[in-house]
């Protein structure tokens, strides 16, 4: 899990730089400034790094056996649940910042294609979360 999360942050940063220094530069013909890269950079990466540093500092003095016996049940367990919820909300809210008016200026076909894709993603995401997390949802009621 951590490996996946680290790569998401790294690739998000790389794509923010590529988008502003290459793709946008080709379209506009001007050199981007650092503020534009910062604006496009996903800020969750900073939160992930801070959280990783805090957990690393808190658990530095533990041996592996102590870590598994003490830290995993009292610290890692609750954080896993929080991480799961944050991950679910993150992916369910991806489309909330879509500027449909800007998308519509590209033409009807791209607008309809994107809208159909978003509807399919929402439906499939809901069905999968209901199936995959069914036991989790049931445990919340207890």
Foldseek 3Di string as FASTA:
>chain_A
DVVVVLVVLVVLLVVLCCCQQPVVCVVPVDHDDPVSSVVSRDCVSVVSVVVVVVVCVVCVPDDPVCCVVPVCVPPVVVVVVVVVVVVLVVVLCPCVPDDLVVQCVVDDVSSVVVVVVNVVCNVVSVVCCCVVCVVVVVVVVD
